[in-house]
Amino acid sequence: LHIDTREKFTFALNYEVNPDLKKVMPLFDGKVFSGLIHKVKPNRDIFEHLLNTYNLKAGECLFIDDLPANIEGARSAGLEGYIFDGDASKLREYIKNLKNA
């Protein structure tokens, strides 16, 4: 599980001091902060950076975002994309179906 965030440079350096983020961030195996690498979604290069940094295979990755443009950027790099509309149960069902495919 990896996270890509567009948050500012200071967020990337200081997220561990936020009590809520400090609980969530350890759930991720990897983190990409666009402010640190100067790459942004939906550009393909940020997805390629994620894949290369963590030695991931695009065809084995699911990118979840609420913006269609970001999903298209992920797909251009070979990742599966899911437009999240706030319905977590629908997302769970989608992931379940991917696993069974």
C-alpha atoms as a PDB file:
ATOM      1  CA  LEU A   1       0.000   0.000   0.000  1.00  0.00           C
ATOM      2  CA  HIS A   2       1.506   3.303  -1.121  1.00  0.00           C
ATOM      3  CA  ILE A   3       0.441   6.928  -0.889  1.00  0.00           C
ATOM      4  CA  ASP A   4       0.992   9.802  -3.302  1.00  0.00           C
ATOM      5  CA  THR A   5       0.098  13.223  -1.990  1.00  0.00           C
ATOM      6  CA  ARG A   6       0.299  16.657  -3.528  1.00  0.00           C
ATOM      7  CA  GLU A   7       0.779  18.295  -0.176  1.00  0.00           C
ATOM      8  CA  LYS A   8       3.355  20.982   0.311  1.00  0.00           C
ATOM      9  CA  PHE A   9       7.012  20.405   1.045  1.00  0.00           C
ATOM     10  CA  THR A  10       6.496  21.233   4.743  1.00  0.00           C
ATOM     11  CA  PHE A  11       3.797  18.554   5.007  1.00  0.00           C
ATOM     12  CA  ALA A  12       6.171  15.960   3.626  1.00  0.00           C
ATOM     13  CA  LEU A  13       8.801  16.841   6.188  1.00  0.00           C
ATOM     14  CA  ASN A  14       6.472  17.270   9.171  1.00  0.00           C
ATOM     15  CA  TYR A  15       3.530  14.881   8.733  1.00  0.00           C
ATOM     16  CA  GLU A  16       4.723  12.795  11.685  1.00  0.00           C
ATOM     17  CA  VAL A  17       3.878  15.590  14.134  1.00  0.00           C
ATOM     18  CA  ASN A  18       0.185  15.507  13.166  1.00  0.00           C
ATOM     19  CA  PRO A  19      -1.461  13.015  15.559  1.00  0.00           C
ATOM     20  CA  ASP A  20      -4.041  11.800  13.007  1.00  0.00           C
ATOM     21  CA  LEU A  21      -1.532  11.383  10.188  1.00  0.00           C
ATOM     22  CA  LYS A  22       0.936   9.739  12.539  1.00  0.00           C
ATOM     23  CA  LYS A  23      -1.631   6.946  13.012  1.00  0.00           C
ATOM     24  CA  VAL A  24      -2.419   6.531   9.307  1.00  0.00           C
ATOM     25  CA  MET A  25       0.936   6.883   7.570  1.00  0.00           C
ATOM     26  CA  PRO A  26       2.484   3.686   9.003  1.00  0.00           C
ATOM     27  CA  LEU A  27      -0.197   1.736   7.094  1.00  0.00           C
ATOM     28  CA  PHE A  28       1.578   2.620   3.846  1.00  0.00           C
ATOM     29  CA  ASP A  29       4.579   0.688   2.565  1.00  0.00           C
ATOM     30  CA  GLY A  30       5.775   3.689   0.589  1.00  0.00           C
ATOM     31  CA  LYS A  31       5.175   7.407   0.295  1.00  0.00           C
ATOM     32  CA  VAL A  32       5.572   9.812  -2.620  1.00  0.00           C
ATOM     33  CA  PHE A  33       5.352  13.520  -1.849  1.00  0.00           C
ATOM     34  CA  SER A  34       5.152  15.552  -5.018  1.00  0.00           C
ATOM     35  CA  GLY A  35       6.527  18.608  -3.234  1.00  0.00           C
ATOM     36  CA  LEU A  36       9.785  16.758  -2.641  1.00  0.00           C
ATOM     37  CA  ILE A  37      10.201  15.276  -6.122  1.00  0.00           C
ATOM     38  CA  HIS A  38       8.698  18.130  -8.170  1.00  0.00           C
ATOM     39  CA  LYS A  39       6.312  15.865 -10.071  1.00  0.00           C
ATOM     40  CA  VAL A  40       2.529  16.134  -9.935  1.00  0.00           C
ATOM     41  CA  LYS A  41      -0.571  14.189 -10.865  1.00  0.00           C
ATOM     42  CA  PRO A  42      -1.915  13.658 -13.449  1.00  0.00           C
ATOM     43  CA  ASN A  43       1.462  13.646 -15.222  1.00  0.00           C
ATOM     44  CA  ARG A  44       2.648  10.160 -16.052  1.00  0.00           C
ATOM     45  CA  ASP A  45       6.105  10.768 -14.571  1.00  0.00           C
ATOM     46  CA  ILE A  46       4.886  10.774 -10.961  1.00  0.00           C
ATOM     47  CA  PHE A  47       3.350   7.331 -11.430  1.00  0.00           C
ATOM     48  CA  GLU A  48       6.523   6.080 -13.081  1.00  0.00           C
ATOM     49  CA  HIS A  49       8.481   7.498 -10.133  1.00  0.00           C
ATOM     50  CA  LEU A  50       6.293   5.515  -7.735  1.00  0.00           C
ATOM     51  CA  LEU A  51       6.697   2.324  -9.745  1.00  0.00           C
ATOM     52  CA  ASN A  52      10.468   2.696 -10.090  1.00  0.00           C
ATOM     53  CA  THR A  53      11.087   3.789  -6.500  1.00  0.00           C
ATOM     54  CA  TYR A  54       9.247   0.832  -5.010  1.00  0.00           C
ATOM     55  CA  ASN A  55       9.935  -1.695  -7.774  1.00  0.00           C
ATOM     56  CA  LEU A  56       6.223  -2.118  -8.516  1.00  0.00           C
ATOM     57  CA  LYS A  57       4.615  -3.584 -11.616  1.00  0.00           C
ATOM     58  CA  ALA A  58       2.046  -1.212 -13.087  1.00  0.00           C
ATOM     59  CA  GLY A  59      -0.334  -4.037 -13.982  1.00  0.00           C
ATOM     60  CA  GLU A  60      -0.463  -5.102 -10.336  1.00  0.00           C
ATOM     61  CA  CYS A  61      -1.322  -1.641  -9.000  1.00  0.00           C
ATOM     62  CA  LEU A  62      -4.632   0.078  -8.346  1.00  0.00           C
ATOM     63  CA  PHE A  63      -4.677   3.876  -8.140  1.00  0.00           C
ATOM     64  CA  ILE A  64      -7.630   5.414  -6.295  1.00  0.00           C
ATOM     65  CA  ASP A  65      -8.479   9.094  -6.642  1.00  0.00           C
ATOM     66  CA  ASP A  66     -11.527  11.338  -6.848  1.00  0.00           C
ATOM     67  CA  LEU A  67     -10.372  13.198  -9.958  1.00  0.00           C
ATOM     68  CA  PRO A  68     -10.848  11.585 -13.374  1.00  0.00           C
ATOM     69  CA  ALA A  69      -7.779  13.390 -14.778  1.00  0.00           C
ATOM     70  CA  ASN A  70      -5.573  11.734 -12.145  1.00  0.00           C
ATOM     71  CA  ILE A  71      -7.047   8.335 -12.975  1.00  0.00           C
ATOM     72  CA  GLU A  72      -6.236   8.913 -16.647  1.00  0.00           C
ATOM     73  CA  GLY A  73      -2.665   9.830 -15.697  1.00  0.00           C
ATOM     74  CA  ALA A  74      -2.314   6.595 -13.743  1.00  0.00           C
ATOM     75  CA  ARG A  75      -3.753   4.591 -16.601  1.00  0.00           C
ATOM     76  CA  SER A  76      -1.279   6.196 -19.000  1.00  0.00           C
ATOM     77  CA  ALA A  77       1.465   4.643 -16.856  1.00  0.00           C
ATOM     78  CA  GLY A  78      -0.251   1.247 -16.938  1.00  0.00           C
ATOM     79  CA  LEU A  79      -1.952   1.285 -13.533  1.00  0.00           C
ATOM     80  CA  GLU A  80      -5.563   0.294 -12.984  1.00  0.00           C
ATOM     81  CA  GLY A  81      -7.618   3.304 -11.887  1.00  0.00           C
ATOM     82  CA  TYR A  82     -10.694   3.787  -9.727  1.00  0.00           C
ATOM     83  CA  ILE A  83     -12.601   7.056  -9.359  1.00  0.00           C
ATOM     84  CA  PHE A  84     -13.568   7.244  -5.703  1.00  0.00           C
ATOM     85  CA  ASP A  85     -16.925   8.902  -5.115  1.00  0.00           C
ATOM     86  CA  GLY A  86     -16.968   8.584  -1.335  1.00  0.00           C
ATOM     87  CA  ASP A  87     -18.734   5.217  -1.264  1.00  0.00           C
ATOM     88  CA  ALA A  88     -16.324   2.898   0.565  1.00  0.00           C
ATOM     89  CA  SER A  89     -18.558  -0.156   0.195  1.00  0.00           C
ATOM     90  CA  LYS A  90     -18.590   0.301  -3.586  1.00  0.00           C
ATOM     91  CA  LEU A  91     -14.793   0.529  -3.572  1.00  0.00           C
ATOM     92  CA  ARG A  92     -14.523  -2.638  -1.472  1.00  0.00           C
ATOM     93  CA  GLU A  93     -16.749  -4.457  -3.957  1.00  0.00           C
ATOM     94  CA  TYR A  94     -14.614  -3.221  -6.857  1.00  0.00           C
ATOM     95  CA  ILE A  95     -11.435  -4.468  -5.184  1.00  0.00           C
ATOM     96  CA  LYS A  96     -13.091  -7.796  -4.359  1.00  0.00           C
ATOM     97  CA  ASN A  97     -14.038  -8.217  -8.022  1.00  0.00           C
ATOM     98  CA  LEU A  98     -10.479  -7.393  -9.117  1.00  0.00           C
ATOM     99  CA  LYS A  99      -9.134 -10.113  -6.862  1.00  0.00           C
ATOM    100  CA  ASN A 100     -11.577 -12.629  -8.300  1.00  0.00           C
ATOM    101  CA  ALA A 101     -10.880 -11.717 -11.933  1.00  0.00           C
END
